[in-house]
Every structure is written in structure tokens, then in C-alpha cells.
mmCIF file of all heavy atoms, coordinates in Angstrom:
data_MODEL
# 
_entry.id   MODEL 
# 
loop_
_atom_site.group_PDB 
_atom_site.id 
_atom_site.type_symbol 
_atom_site.label_atom_id 
_atom_site.label_alt_id 
_atom_site.label_comp_id 
_atom_site.label_asym_id 
_atom_site.label_entity_id 
_atom_site.label_seq_id 
_atom_site.pdbx_PDB_ins_code 
_atom_site.Cartn_x 
_atom_site.Cartn_y 
_atom_site.Cartn_z 
_atom_site.occupancy 
_atom_site.B_iso_or_equiv 
_atom_site.pdbx_formal_charge 
_atom_site.auth_seq_id 
_atom_site.auth_comp_id 
_atom_site.auth_asym_id 
_atom_site.auth_atom_id 
_atom_site.pdbx_PDB_model_num 
ATOM 1   N N   . ALA A 1 1  ? 0.830   -1.208 -0.042  1.00 0.00 ? 1  ALA A N   1 
ATOM 2   C CA  . ALA A 1 1  ? -0.035  0.060  0.011   1.00 0.00 ? 1  ALA A CA  1 
ATOM 3   C C   . ALA A 1 1  ? 0.853   1.198  -0.036  1.00 0.00 ? 1  ALA A C   1 
ATOM 4   O O   . ALA A 1 1  ? 0.496   2.284  -0.655  1.00 0.00 ? 1  ALA A O   1 
ATOM 5   C CB  . ALA A 1 1  ? -0.950  -0.024 1.240   1.00 0.00 ? 1  ALA A CB  1 
ATOM 6   N N   . SER A 1 2  ? 1.959   1.172  0.745   1.00 0.00 ? 2  SER A N   1 
ATOM 7   C CA  . SER A 1 2  ? 2.857   2.359  0.769   1.00 0.00 ? 2  SER A CA  1 
ATOM 8   C C   . SER A 1 2  ? 3.400   2.656  -0.635  1.00 0.00 ? 2  SER A C   1 
ATOM 9   O O   . SER A 1 2  ? 3.493   3.820  -0.991  1.00 0.00 ? 2  SER A O   1 
ATOM 10  C CB  . SER A 1 2  ? 3.946   2.100  1.792   1.00 0.00 ? 2  SER A CB  1 
ATOM 11  O OG  . SER A 1 2  ? 4.919   3.095  1.757   1.00 0.00 ? 2  SER A OG  1 
ATOM 12  N N   . SER A 1 3  ? 3.744   1.565  -1.421  1.00 0.00 ? 3  SER A N   1 
ATOM 13  C CA  . SER A 1 3  ? 4.359   1.942  -2.701  1.00 0.00 ? 3  SER A CA  1 
ATOM 14  C C   . SER A 1 3  ? 3.235   2.578  -3.679  1.00 0.00 ? 3  SER A C   1 
ATOM 15  O O   . SER A 1 3  ? 3.596   3.383  -4.490  1.00 0.00 ? 3  SER A O   1 
ATOM 16  C CB  . SER A 1 3  ? 4.912   0.645  -3.418  1.00 0.00 ? 3  SER A CB  1 
ATOM 17  O OG  . SER A 1 3  ? 4.004   -0.338 -3.580  1.00 0.00 ? 3  SER A OG  1 
ATOM 18  N N   . LYS A 1 4  ? 1.994   2.062  -3.545  1.00 0.00 ? 4  LYS A N   1 
ATOM 19  C CA  . LYS A 1 4  ? 0.944   2.539  -4.317  1.00 0.00 ? 4  LYS A CA  1 
ATOM 20  C C   . LYS A 1 4  ? 0.578   3.951  -4.043  1.00 0.00 ? 4  LYS A C   1 
ATOM 21  O O   . LYS A 1 4  ? 0.339   4.870  -4.862  1.00 0.00 ? 4  LYS A O   1 
ATOM 22  C CB  . LYS A 1 4  ? -0.308  1.691  -4.243  1.00 0.00 ? 4  LYS A CB  1 
ATOM 23  C CG  . LYS A 1 4  ? -0.149  0.368  -4.933  1.00 0.00 ? 4  LYS A CG  1 
ATOM 24  C CD  . LYS A 1 4  ? -1.496  -0.356 -4.963  1.00 0.00 ? 4  LYS A CD  1 
ATOM 25  C CE  . LYS A 1 4  ? -1.282  -1.784 -5.651  1.00 0.00 ? 4  LYS A CE  1 
ATOM 26  N NZ  . LYS A 1 4  ? -1.865  -1.864 -6.885  1.00 0.00 ? 4  LYS A NZ  1 
ATOM 27  N N   . LEU A 1 5  ? 0.652   4.386  -2.718  1.00 0.00 ? 5  LEU A N   1 
ATOM 28  C CA  . LEU A 1 5  ? 0.414   5.604  -2.307  1.00 0.00 ? 5  LEU A CA  1 
ATOM 29  C C   . LEU A 1 5  ? 1.570   6.587  -2.705  1.00 0.00 ? 5  LEU A C   1 
ATOM 30  O O   . LEU A 1 5  ? 1.361   7.699  -3.047  1.00 0.00 ? 5  LEU A O   1 
ATOM 31  C CB  . LEU A 1 5  ? 0.258   5.784  -0.686  1.00 0.00 ? 5  LEU A CB  1 
ATOM 32  C CG  . LEU A 1 5  ? -1.096  5.218  -0.157  1.00 0.00 ? 5  LEU A CG  1 
ATOM 33  C CD1 . LEU A 1 5  ? -0.969  5.248  1.408   1.00 0.00 ? 5  LEU A CD1 1 
ATOM 34  C CD2 . LEU A 1 5  ? -2.190  6.083  -0.653  1.00 0.00 ? 5  LEU A CD2 1 
ATOM 35  N N   . GLN A 1 6  ? 2.748   6.089  -2.725  1.00 0.00 ? 6  GLN A N   1 
ATOM 36  C CA  . GLN A 1 6  ? 3.902   6.796  -3.161  1.00 0.00 ? 6  GLN A CA  1 
ATOM 37  C C   . GLN A 1 6  ? 3.792   7.220  -4.646  1.00 0.00 ? 6  GLN A C   1 
ATOM 38  O O   . GLN A 1 6  ? 4.015   8.249  -5.036  1.00 0.00 ? 6  GLN A O   1 
ATOM 39  C CB  . GLN A 1 6  ? 5.228   6.101  -2.779  1.00 0.00 ? 6  GLN A CB  1 
ATOM 40  C CG  . GLN A 1 6  ? 6.559   6.931  -3.072  1.00 0.00 ? 6  GLN A CG  1 
ATOM 41  C CD  . GLN A 1 6  ? 6.613   8.029  -2.075  1.00 0.00 ? 6  GLN A CD  1 
ATOM 42  O OE1 . GLN A 1 6  ? 6.127   7.938  -0.902  1.00 0.00 ? 6  GLN A OE1 1 
ATOM 43  N NE2 . GLN A 1 6  ? 7.269   9.047  -2.434  1.00 0.00 ? 6  GLN A NE2 1 
ATOM 44  N N   . ALA A 1 7  ? 3.360   6.104  -5.363  1.00 0.00 ? 7  ALA A N   1 
ATOM 45  C CA  . ALA A 1 7  ? 3.145   6.276  -6.769  1.00 0.00 ? 7  ALA A CA  1 
ATOM 46  C C   . ALA A 1 7  ? 2.152   7.312  -7.102  1.00 0.00 ? 7  ALA A C   1 
ATOM 47  O O   . ALA A 1 7  ? 2.251   8.183  -8.007  1.00 0.00 ? 7  ALA A O   1 
ATOM 48  C CB  . ALA A 1 7  ? 2.862   4.918  -7.465  1.00 0.00 ? 7  ALA A CB  1 
ATOM 49  N N   . LEU A 1 8  ? 0.953   7.278  -6.323  1.00 0.00 ? 8  LEU A N   1 
ATOM 50  C CA  . LEU A 1 8  ? -0.082  8.302  -6.509  1.00 0.00 ? 8  LEU A CA  1 
ATOM 51  C C   . LEU A 1 8  ? 0.469   9.690  -6.213  1.00 0.00 ? 8  LEU A C   1 
ATOM 52  O O   . LEU A 1 8  ? 0.210   10.491 -6.914  1.00 0.00 ? 8  LEU A O   1 
ATOM 53  C CB  . LEU A 1 8  ? -1.315  7.920  -5.654  1.00 0.00 ? 8  LEU A CB  1 
ATOM 54  C CG  . LEU A 1 8  ? -2.315  9.014  -5.603  1.00 0.00 ? 8  LEU A CG  1 
ATOM 55  C CD1 . LEU A 1 8  ? -3.078  9.048  -6.915  1.00 0.00 ? 8  LEU A CD1 1 
ATOM 56  C CD2 . LEU A 1 8  ? -3.403  8.597  -4.538  1.00 0.00 ? 8  LEU A CD2 1 
ATOM 57  N N   . TRP A 1 9  ? 1.148   9.786  -5.079  1.00 0.00 ? 9  TRP A N   1 
ATOM 58  C CA  . TRP A 1 9  ? 1.644   11.081 -4.651  1.00 0.00 ? 9  TRP A CA  1 
ATOM 59  C C   . TRP A 1 9  ? 2.593   11.657 -5.637  1.00 0.00 ? 9  TRP A C   1 
ATOM 60  O O   . TRP A 1 9  ? 2.516   12.893 -5.836  1.00 0.00 ? 9  TRP A O   1 
ATOM 61  C CB  . TRP A 1 9  ? 2.348   10.907 -3.321  1.00 0.00 ? 9  TRP A CB  1 
ATOM 62  C CG  . TRP A 1 9  ? 2.845   12.219 -2.591  1.00 0.00 ? 9  TRP A CG  1 
ATOM 63  C CD1 . TRP A 1 9  ? 4.144   12.605 -2.660  1.00 0.00 ? 9  TRP A CD1 1 
ATOM 64  C CD2 . TRP A 1 9  ? 2.144   13.158 -2.108  1.00 0.00 ? 9  TRP A CD2 1 
ATOM 65  N NE1 . TRP A 1 9  ? 4.178   13.846 -2.046  1.00 0.00 ? 9  TRP A NE1 1 
ATOM 66  C CE2 . TRP A 1 9  ? 2.843   14.231 -1.664  1.00 0.00 ? 9  TRP A CE2 1 
ATOM 67  C CE3 . TRP A 1 9  ? 0.673   13.318 -1.927  1.00 0.00 ? 9  TRP A CE3 1 
ATOM 68  C CZ2 . TRP A 1 9  ? 2.465   15.280 -1.042  1.00 0.00 ? 9  TRP A CZ2 1 
ATOM 69  C CZ3 . TRP A 1 9  ? 0.272   14.466 -1.164  1.00 0.00 ? 9  TRP A CZ3 1 
ATOM 70  C CH2 . TRP A 1 9  ? 1.117   15.490 -0.779  1.00 0.00 ? 9  TRP A CH2 1 
ATOM 71  N N   . ASN A 1 10 ? 3.411   10.864 -6.336  1.00 0.00 ? 10 ASN A N   1 
ATOM 72  C CA  . ASN A 1 10 ? 4.384   11.427 -7.287  1.00 0.00 ? 10 ASN A CA  1 
ATOM 73  C C   . ASN A 1 10 ? 3.885   11.354 -8.698  1.00 0.00 ? 10 ASN A C   1 
ATOM 74  O O   . ASN A 1 10 ? 4.637   11.732 -9.637  1.00 0.00 ? 10 ASN A O   1 
ATOM 75  C CB  . ASN A 1 10 ? 5.782   10.563 -7.183  1.00 0.00 ? 10 ASN A CB  1 
ATOM 76  C CG  . ASN A 1 10 ? 6.461   10.837 -5.769  1.00 0.00 ? 10 ASN A CG  1 
ATOM 77  O OD1 . ASN A 1 10 ? 6.333   11.992 -5.331  1.00 0.00 ? 10 ASN A OD1 1 
ATOM 78  N ND2 . ASN A 1 10 ? 6.945   9.858  -5.216  1.00 0.00 ? 10 ASN A ND2 1 
ATOM 79  N N   . HIS A 1 11 ? 2.728   10.988 -9.008  1.00 0.00 ? 11 HIS A N   1 
ATOM 80  C CA  . HIS A 1 11 ? 2.145   10.933 -10.262 1.00 0.00 ? 11 HIS A CA  1 
ATOM 81  C C   . HIS A 1 11 ? 2.114   12.369 -10.918 1.00 0.00 ? 11 HIS A C   1 
ATOM 82  O O   . HIS A 1 11 ? 1.883   13.320 -10.143 1.00 0.00 ? 11 HIS A O   1 
ATOM 83  C CB  . HIS A 1 11 ? 0.842   10.382 -10.256 1.00 0.00 ? 11 HIS A CB  1 
ATOM 84  C CG  . HIS A 1 11 ? 0.323   9.881  -11.704 1.00 0.00 ? 11 HIS A CG  1 
ATOM 85  N ND1 . HIS A 1 11 ? -0.350  10.723 -12.507 1.00 0.00 ? 11 HIS A ND1 1 
ATOM 86  C CD2 . HIS A 1 11 ? 0.428   8.746  -12.309 1.00 0.00 ? 11 HIS A CD2 1 
ATOM 87  C CE1 . HIS A 1 11 ? -0.671  10.151 -13.560 1.00 0.00 ? 11 HIS A CE1 1 
ATOM 88  N NE2 . HIS A 1 11 ? -0.233  8.929  -13.517 1.00 0.00 ? 11 HIS A NE2 1 
ATOM 89  N N   . PRO A 1 12 ? 2.229   12.505 -12.196 1.00 0.00 ? 12 PRO A N   1 
ATOM 90  C CA  . PRO A 1 12 ? 2.200   13.874 -12.945 1.00 0.00 ? 12 PRO A CA  1 
ATOM 91  C C   . PRO A 1 12 ? 0.841   14.507 -12.609 1.00 0.00 ? 12 PRO A C   1 
ATOM 92  O O   . PRO A 1 12 ? 0.771   15.739 -12.722 1.00 0.00 ? 12 PRO A O   1 
ATOM 93  C CB  . PRO A 1 12 ? 2.427   13.532 -14.310 1.00 0.00 ? 12 PRO A CB  1 
ATOM 94  C CG  . PRO A 1 12 ? 3.123   12.321 -14.452 1.00 0.00 ? 12 PRO A CG  1 
ATOM 95  C CD  . PRO A 1 12 ? 2.659   11.508 -13.198 1.00 0.00 ? 12 PRO A CD  1 
ATOM 96  N N   . VAL A 1 13 ? -0.226  13.840 -12.361 1.00 0.00 ? 13 VAL A N   1 
ATOM 97  C CA  . VAL A 1 13 ? -1.526  14.475 -12.044 1.00 0.00 ? 13 VAL A CA  1 
ATOM 98  C C   . VAL A 1 13 ? -1.982  14.056 -10.630 1.00 0.00 ? 13 VAL A C   1 
ATOM 99  O O   . VAL A 1 13 ? -3.095  14.044 -10.328 1.00 0.00 ? 13 VAL A O   1 
ATOM 100 C CB  . VAL A 1 13 ? -2.665  14.067 -13.073 1.00 0.00 ? 13 VAL A CB  1 
ATOM 101 C CG1 . VAL A 1 13 ? -2.335  14.725 -14.470 1.00 0.00 ? 13 VAL A CG1 1 
ATOM 102 C CG2 . VAL A 1 13 ? -2.840  12.569 -13.273 1.00 0.00 ? 13 VAL A CG2 1 
ATOM 103 N N   . GLY A 1 14 ? -1.021  13.868 -9.784  1.00 0.00 ? 14 GLY A N   1 
ATOM 104 C CA  . GLY A 1 14 ? -1.259  13.477 -8.370  1.00 0.00 ? 14 GLY A CA  1 
ATOM 105 C C   . GLY A 1 14 ? -1.584  14.741 -7.559  1.00 0.00 ? 14 GLY A C   1 
ATOM 106 O O   . GLY A 1 14 ? -1.585  15.892 -8.001  1.00 0.00 ? 14 GLY A O   1 
ATOM 107 N N   . PRO A 1 15 ? -1.842  14.485 -6.243  1.00 0.00 ? 15 PRO A N   1 
ATOM 108 C CA  . PRO A 1 15 ? -2.199  15.479 -5.290  1.00 0.00 ? 15 PRO A CA  1 
ATOM 109 C C   . PRO A 1 15 ? -1.250  16.598 -5.096  1.00 0.00 ? 15 PRO A C   1 
ATOM 110 O O   . PRO A 1 15 ? -1.631  17.700 -4.590  1.00 0.00 ? 15 PRO A O   1 
ATOM 111 C CB  . PRO A 1 15 ? -2.513  14.773 -3.987  1.00 0.00 ? 15 PRO A CB  1 
ATOM 112 C CG  . PRO A 1 15 ? -2.532  13.359 -4.292  1.00 0.00 ? 15 PRO A CG  1 
ATOM 113 C CD  . PRO A 1 15 ? -1.837  13.159 -5.656  1.00 0.00 ? 15 PRO A CD  1 
ATOM 114 N N   . LYS A 1 16 ? -0.050  16.557 -5.526  1.00 0.00 ? 16 LYS A N   1 
ATOM 115 C CA  . LYS A 1 16 ? 0.982   17.606 -5.441  1.00 0.00 ? 16 LYS A CA  1 
ATOM 116 C C   . LYS A 1 16 ? 0.771   18.646 -6.564  1.00 0.00 ? 16 LYS A C   1 
ATOM 117 O O   . LYS A 1 16 ? 1.497   19.627 -6.582  1.00 0.00 ? 16 LYS A O   1 
ATOM 118 C CB  . LYS A 1 16 ? 2.358   17.103 -5.466  1.00 0.00 ? 16 LYS A CB  1 
ATOM 119 C CG  . LYS A 1 16 ? 2.733   16.253 -4.270  1.00 0.00 ? 16 LYS A CG  1 
ATOM 120 C CD  . LYS A 1 16 ? 4.177   15.980 -4.136  1.00 0.00 ? 16 LYS A CD  1 
ATOM 121 C CE  . LYS A 1 16 ? 4.827   15.376 -5.323  1.00 0.00 ? 16 LYS A CE  1 
ATOM 122 N NZ  . LYS A 1 16 ? 6.270   15.025 -5.176  1.00 0.00 ? 16 LYS A NZ  1 
ATOM 123 N N   . THR A 1 17 ? -0.082  18.375 -7.472  1.00 0.00 ? 17 THR A N   1 
ATOM 124 C CA  . THR A 1 17 ? -0.181  19.224 -8.643  1.00 0.00 ? 17 THR A CA  1 
ATOM 125 C C   . THR A 1 17 ? -1.667  19.915 -8.798  1.00 0.00 ? 17 THR A C   1 
ATOM 126 O O   . THR A 1 17 ? -2.597  19.499 -8.200  1.00 0.00 ? 17 THR A O   1 
ATOM 127 C CB  . THR A 1 17 ? 0.025   18.539 -9.943  1.00 0.00 ? 17 THR A CB  1 
ATOM 128 O OG1 . THR A 1 17 ? -1.003  17.549 -10.226 1.00 0.00 ? 17 THR A OG1 1 
ATOM 129 C CG2 . THR A 1 17 ? 1.355   17.781 -9.903  1.00 0.00 ? 17 THR A CG2 1 
ATOM 130 N N   . ILE A 1 18 ? -1.672  20.965 -9.537  1.00 0.00 ? 18 ILE A N   1 
ATOM 131 C CA  . ILE A 1 18 ? -3.005  21.671 -9.714  1.00 0.00 ? 18 ILE A CA  1 
ATOM 132 C C   . ILE A 1 18 ? -3.858  20.672 -10.622 1.00 0.00 ? 18 ILE A C   1 
ATOM 133 O O   . ILE A 1 18 ? -4.964  20.808 -10.697 1.00 0.00 ? 18 ILE A O   1 
ATOM 134 C CB  . ILE A 1 18 ? -2.727  23.071 -10.432 1.00 0.00 ? 18 ILE A CB  1 
ATOM 135 C CG1 . ILE A 1 18 ? -4.025  23.909 -10.568 1.00 0.00 ? 18 ILE A CG1 1 
ATOM 136 C CG2 . ILE A 1 18 ? -2.088  22.867 -11.851 1.00 0.00 ? 18 ILE A CG2 1 
ATOM 137 C CD1 . ILE A 1 18 ? -4.562  24.279 -9.203  1.00 0.00 ? 18 ILE A CD1 1 
ATOM 138 N N   . HIS A 1 19 ? -3.255  19.885 -11.453 1.00 0.00 ? 19 HIS A N   1 
ATOM 139 C CA  . HIS A 1 19 ? -3.894  18.951 -12.307 1.00 0.00 ? 19 HIS A CA  1 
ATOM 140 C C   . HIS A 1 19 ? -4.789  17.957 -11.542 1.00 0.00 ? 19 HIS A C   1 
ATOM 141 O O   . HIS A 1 19 ? -5.715  17.384 -12.059 1.00 0.00 ? 19 HIS A O   1 
ATOM 142 C CB  . HIS A 1 19 ? -2.946  18.151 -13.177 1.00 0.00 ? 19 HIS A CB  1 
ATOM 143 C CG  . HIS A 1 19 ? -2.078  19.041 -13.888 1.00 0.00 ? 19 HIS A CG  1 
ATOM 144 N ND1 . HIS A 1 19 ? -2.492  19.926 -14.943 1.00 0.00 ? 19 HIS A ND1 1 
ATOM 145 C CD2 . HIS A 1 19 ? -0.783  19.279 -13.942 1.00 0.00 ? 19 HIS A CD2 1 
ATOM 146 C CE1 . HIS A 1 19 ? -1.476  20.630 -15.422 1.00 0.00 ? 19 HIS A CE1 1 
ATOM 147 N NE2 . HIS A 1 19 ? -0.400  20.226 -14.806 1.00 0.00 ? 19 HIS A NE2 1 
ATOM 148 N N   . PHE A 1 20 ? -4.602  17.906 -10.265 1.00 0.00 ? 20 PHE A N   1 
ATOM 149 C CA  . PHE A 1 20 ? -5.355  16.981 -9.408  1.00 0.00 ? 20 PHE A CA  1 
ATOM 150 C C   . PHE A 1 20 ? -6.483  17.899 -8.739  1.00 0.00 ? 20 PHE A C   1 
ATOM 151 O O   . PHE A 1 20 ? -7.679  17.559 -8.752  1.00 0.00 ? 20 PHE A O   1 
ATOM 152 C CB  . PHE A 1 20 ? -4.562  16.391 -8.305  1.00 0.00 ? 20 PHE A CB  1 
ATOM 153 C CG  . PHE A 1 20 ? -5.447  15.570 -7.243  1.00 0.00 ? 20 PHE A CG  1 
ATOM 154 C CD1 . PHE A 1 20 ? -5.857  14.353 -7.499  1.00 0.00 ? 20 PHE A CD1 1 
ATOM 155 C CD2 . PHE A 1 20 ? -5.729  16.164 -6.030  1.00 0.00 ? 20 PHE A CD2 1 
ATOM 156 C CE1 . PHE A 1 20 ? -6.561  13.620 -6.568  1.00 0.00 ? 20 PHE A CE1 1 
ATOM 157 C CE2 . PHE A 1 20 ? -6.513  15.506 -5.156  1.00 0.00 ? 20 PHE A CE2 1 
ATOM 158 C CZ  . PHE A 1 20 ? -6.881  14.196 -5.316  1.00 0.00 ? 20 PHE A CZ  1 
ATOM 159 N N   . TRP A 1 21 ? -6.143  19.031 -8.235  1.00 0.00 ? 21 TRP A N   1 
ATOM 160 C CA  . TRP A 1 21 ? -6.986  19.789 -7.411  1.00 0.00 ? 21 TRP A CA  1 
ATOM 161 C C   . TRP A 1 21 ? -8.064  20.571 -8.230  1.00 0.00 ? 21 TRP A C   1 
ATOM 162 O O   . TRP A 1 21 ? -9.144  20.750 -7.762  1.00 0.00 ? 21 TRP A O   1 
ATOM 163 C CB  . TRP A 1 21 ? -6.209  20.732 -6.443  1.00 0.00 ? 21 TRP A CB  1 
ATOM 164 C CG  . TRP A 1 21 ? -5.532  19.998 -5.490  1.00 0.00 ? 21 TRP A CG  1 
ATOM 165 C CD1 . TRP A 1 21 ? -4.200  19.666 -5.350  1.00 0.00 ? 21 TRP A CD1 1 
ATOM 166 C CD2 . TRP A 1 21 ? -6.099  19.251 -4.453  1.00 0.00 ? 21 TRP A CD2 1 
ATOM 167 N NE1 . TRP A 1 21 ? -3.907  18.848 -4.409  1.00 0.00 ? 21 TRP A NE1 1 
ATOM 168 C CE2 . TRP A 1 21 ? -5.014  18.652 -3.706  1.00 0.00 ? 21 TRP A CE2 1 
ATOM 169 C CE3 . TRP A 1 21 ? -7.373  19.048 -3.879  1.00 0.00 ? 21 TRP A CE3 1 
ATOM 170 C CZ2 . TRP A 1 21 ? -5.314  17.829 -2.487  1.00 0.00 ? 21 TRP A CZ2 1 
ATOM 171 C CZ3 . TRP A 1 21 ? -7.658  18.323 -2.766  1.00 0.00 ? 21 TRP A CZ3 1 
ATOM 172 C CH2 . TRP A 1 21 ? -6.549  17.631 -2.092  1.00 0.00 ? 21 TRP A CH2 1 
ATOM 173 N N   . ALA A 1 22 ? -7.712  21.094 -9.366  1.00 0.00 ? 22 ALA A N   1 
ATOM 174 C CA  . ALA A 1 22 ? -8.641  21.813 -10.238 1.00 0.00 ? 22 ALA A CA  1 
ATOM 175 C C   . ALA A 1 22 ? -9.860  21.005 -10.602 1.00 0.00 ? 22 ALA A C   1 
ATOM 176 O O   . ALA A 1 22 ? -11.041 21.389 -10.278 1.00 0.00 ? 22 ALA A O   1 
ATOM 177 C CB  . ALA A 1 22 ? -7.987  22.415 -11.458 1.00 0.00 ? 22 ALA A CB  1 
ATOM 178 N N   . PRO A 1 23 ? -9.640  19.793 -11.129 1.00 0.00 ? 23 PRO A N   1 
ATOM 179 C CA  . PRO A 1 23 ? -10.878 19.022 -11.429 1.00 0.00 ? 23 PRO A CA  1 
ATOM 180 C C   . PRO A 1 23 ? -11.653 18.554 -10.118 1.00 0.00 ? 23 PRO A C   1 
ATOM 181 O O   . PRO A 1 23 ? -12.870 18.371 -10.103 1.00 0.00 ? 23 PRO A O   1 
ATOM 182 C CB  . PRO A 1 23 ? -10.310 17.787 -12.175 1.00 0.00 ? 23 PRO A CB  1 
ATOM 183 C CG  . PRO A 1 23 ? -8.946  17.805 -12.198 1.00 0.00 ? 23 PRO A CG  1 
ATOM 184 C CD  . PRO A 1 23 ? -8.446  19.208 -11.651 1.00 0.00 ? 23 PRO A CD  1 
ATOM 185 N N   . THR A 1 24 ? -10.818 18.306 -9.095  1.00 0.00 ? 24 THR A N   1 
ATOM 186 C CA  . THR A 1 24 ? -11.538 17.866 -7.812  1.00 0.00 ? 24 THR A CA  1 
ATOM 187 C C   . THR A 1 24 ? -12.437 18.949 -7.352  1.00 0.00 ? 24 THR A C   1 
ATOM 188 O O   . THR A 1 24 ? -13.691 18.669 -6.953  1.00 0.00 ? 24 THR A O   1 
ATOM 189 C CB  . THR A 1 24 ? -10.471 17.590 -6.780  1.00 0.00 ? 24 THR A CB  1 
ATOM 190 O OG1 . THR A 1 24 ? -9.634  16.529 -7.221  1.00 0.00 ? 24 THR A OG1 1 
ATOM 191 C CG2 . THR A 1 24 ? -11.147 17.149 -5.395  1.00 0.00 ? 24 THR A CG2 1 
ATOM 192 N N   . PHE A 1 25 ? -12.069 20.239 -7.348  1.00 0.00 ? 25 PHE A N   1 
ATOM 193 C CA  . PHE A 1 25 ? -13.007 21.284 -6.982  1.00 0.00 ? 25 PHE A CA  1 
ATOM 194 C C   . PHE A 1 25 ? -14.051 21.583 -7.990  1.00 0.00 ? 25 PHE A C   1 
ATOM 195 O O   . PHE A 1 25 ? -15.169 22.094 -7.776  1.00 0.00 ? 25 PHE A O   1 
ATOM 196 C CB  . PHE A 1 25 ? -12.177 22.620 -6.650  1.00 0.00 ? 25 PHE A CB  1 
ATOM 197 C CG  . PHE A 1 25 ? -11.632 22.410 -5.307  1.00 0.00 ? 25 PHE A CG  1 
ATOM 198 C CD1 . PHE A 1 25 ? -10.185 22.233 -5.162  1.00 0.00 ? 25 PHE A CD1 1 
ATOM 199 C CD2 . PHE A 1 25 ? -12.286 22.608 -4.146  1.00 0.00 ? 25 PHE A CD2 1 
ATOM 200 C CE1 . PHE A 1 25 ? -9.655  22.161 -3.908  1.00 0.00 ? 25 PHE A CE1 1 
ATOM 201 C CE2 . PHE A 1 25 ? -11.680 22.516 -2.861  1.00 0.00 ? 25 PHE A CE2 1 
ATOM 202 C CZ  . PHE A 1 25 ? -10.368 22.269 -2.838  1.00 0.00 ? 25 PHE A CZ  1 
ATOM 203 N N   . LYS A 1 26 ? -13.792 21.258 -9.309  1.00 0.00 ? 26 LYS A N   1 
ATOM 204 C CA  . LYS A 1 26 ? -14.698 21.448 -10.352 1.00 0.00 ? 26 LYS A CA  1 
ATOM 205 C C   . LYS A 1 26 ? -16.006 20.488 -10.129 1.00 0.00 ? 26 LYS A C   1 
ATOM 206 O O   . LYS A 1 26 ? -17.074 20.875 -10.677 1.00 0.00 ? 26 LYS A O   1 
ATOM 207 C CB  . LYS A 1 26 ? -14.064 21.154 -11.681 1.00 0.00 ? 26 LYS A CB  1 
ATOM 208 C CG  . LYS A 1 26 ? -14.843 21.676 -12.943 1.00 0.00 ? 26 LYS A CG  1 
ATOM 209 C CD  . LYS A 1 26 ? -13.975 21.455 -14.166 1.00 0.00 ? 26 LYS A CD  1 
ATOM 210 C CE  . LYS A 1 26 ? -14.665 22.014 -15.407 1.00 0.00 ? 26 LYS A CE  1 
ATOM 211 N NZ  . LYS A 1 26 ? -13.844 21.878 -16.499 1.00 0.00 ? 26 LYS A NZ  1 
ATOM 212 N N   . TRP A 1 27 ? -15.865 19.464 -9.426  1.00 0.00 ? 27 TRP A N   1 
ATOM 213 C CA  . TRP A 1 27 ? -16.964 18.656 -9.095  1.00 0.00 ? 27 TRP A CA  1 
ATOM 214 C C   . TRP A 1 27 ? -18.075 19.398 -8.397  1.00 0.00 ? 27 TRP A C   1 
ATOM 215 O O   . TRP A 1 27 ? -19.250 19.008 -8.417  1.00 0.00 ? 27 TRP A O   1 
ATOM 216 C CB  . TRP A 1 27 ? -16.598 17.310 -8.210  1.00 0.00 ? 27 TRP A CB  1 
ATOM 217 C CG  . TRP A 1 27 ? -15.924 16.291 -9.120  1.00 0.00 ? 27 TRP A CG  1 
ATOM 218 C CD1 . TRP A 1 27 ? -14.639 15.958 -9.196  1.00 0.00 ? 27 TRP A CD1 1 
ATOM 219 C CD2 . TRP A 1 27 ? -16.741 15.341 -9.784  1.00 0.00 ? 27 TRP A CD2 1 
ATOM 220 N NE1 . TRP A 1 27 ? -14.542 14.863 -10.070 1.00 0.00 ? 27 TRP A NE1 1 
ATOM 221 C CE2 . TRP A 1 27 ? -15.764 14.473 -10.452 1.00 0.00 ? 27 TRP A CE2 1 
ATOM 222 C CE3 . TRP A 1 27 ? -18.102 15.266 -10.154 1.00 0.00 ? 27 TRP A CE3 1 
ATOM 223 C CZ2 . TRP A 1 27 ? -16.196 13.427 -11.330 1.00 0.00 ? 27 TRP A CZ2 1 
ATOM 224 C CZ3 . TRP A 1 27 ? -18.481 14.139 -11.015 1.00 0.00 ? 27 TRP A CZ3 1 
ATOM 225 C CH2 . TRP A 1 27 ? -17.509 13.360 -11.513 1.00 0.00 ? 27 TRP A CH2 1 
ATOM 226 N N   . GLY A 1 28 ? -17.686 20.485 -7.740  1.00 0.00 ? 28 GLY A N   1 
ATOM 227 C CA  . GLY A 1 28 ? -18.729 21.260 -7.039  1.00 0.00 ? 28 GLY A CA  1 
ATOM 228 C C   . GLY A 1 28 ? -19.712 21.791 -8.019  1.00 0.00 ? 28 GLY A C   1 
ATOM 229 O O   . GLY A 1 28 ? -20.973 21.910 -7.626  1.00 0.00 ? 28 GLY A O   1 
ATOM 230 N N   . ILE A 1 29 ? -19.298 22.170 -9.244  1.00 0.00 ? 29 ILE A N   1 
ATOM 231 C CA  . ILE A 1 29 ? -20.239 22.621 -10.249 1.00 0.00 ? 29 ILE A CA  1 
ATOM 232 C C   . ILE A 1 29 ? -21.274 21.533 -10.624 1.00 0.00 ? 29 ILE A C   1 
ATOM 233 O O   . ILE A 1 29 ? -22.441 21.889 -10.711 1.00 0.00 ? 29 ILE A O   1 
ATOM 234 C CB  . ILE A 1 29 ? -19.521 23.257 -11.455 1.00 0.00 ? 29 ILE A CB  1 
ATOM 235 C CG1 . ILE A 1 29 ? -18.582 24.392 -11.072 1.00 0.00 ? 29 ILE A CG1 1 
ATOM 236 C CG2 . ILE A 1 29 ? -20.463 23.561 -12.548 1.00 0.00 ? 29 ILE A CG2 1 
ATOM 237 C CD1 . ILE A 1 29 ? -17.664 24.739 -12.190 1.00 0.00 ? 29 ILE A CD1 1 
ATOM 238 N N   . SER A 1 30 ? -20.704 20.372 -10.786 1.00 0.00 ? 30 SER A N   1 
ATOM 239 C CA  . SER A 1 30 ? -21.716 19.231 -11.110 1.00 0.00 ? 30 SER A CA  1 
ATOM 240 C C   . SER A 1 30 ? -22.582 19.009 -9.958  1.00 0.00 ? 30 SER A C   1 
ATOM 241 O O   . SER A 1 30 ? -23.823 18.710 -10.240 1.00 0.00 ? 30 SER A O   1 
ATOM 242 C CB  . SER A 1 30 ? -20.875 18.059 -11.514 1.00 0.00 ? 30 SER A CB  1 
ATOM 243 O OG  . SER A 1 30 ? -20.205 18.279 -12.823 1.00 0.00 ? 30 SER A OG  1 
# 
């Protein structure tokens, strides 16, 4: 599980980037 979380964290559209957070907050419109 730790390696999968590390992979998610370091992914180019992971939680460290705007590419994750912008669509996440866009769900509010839907």
C-alpha cells in the first residue's frame, strides 16, 4: 500500500499538482 500511495503522490496528475485539485474542486459545479 505504501508503494501505491507513493506512486499516486508522485504521479504527474497527483495531489501535489494543480492537475489534481482543479478537477476535484470542479466537481462542485456538477
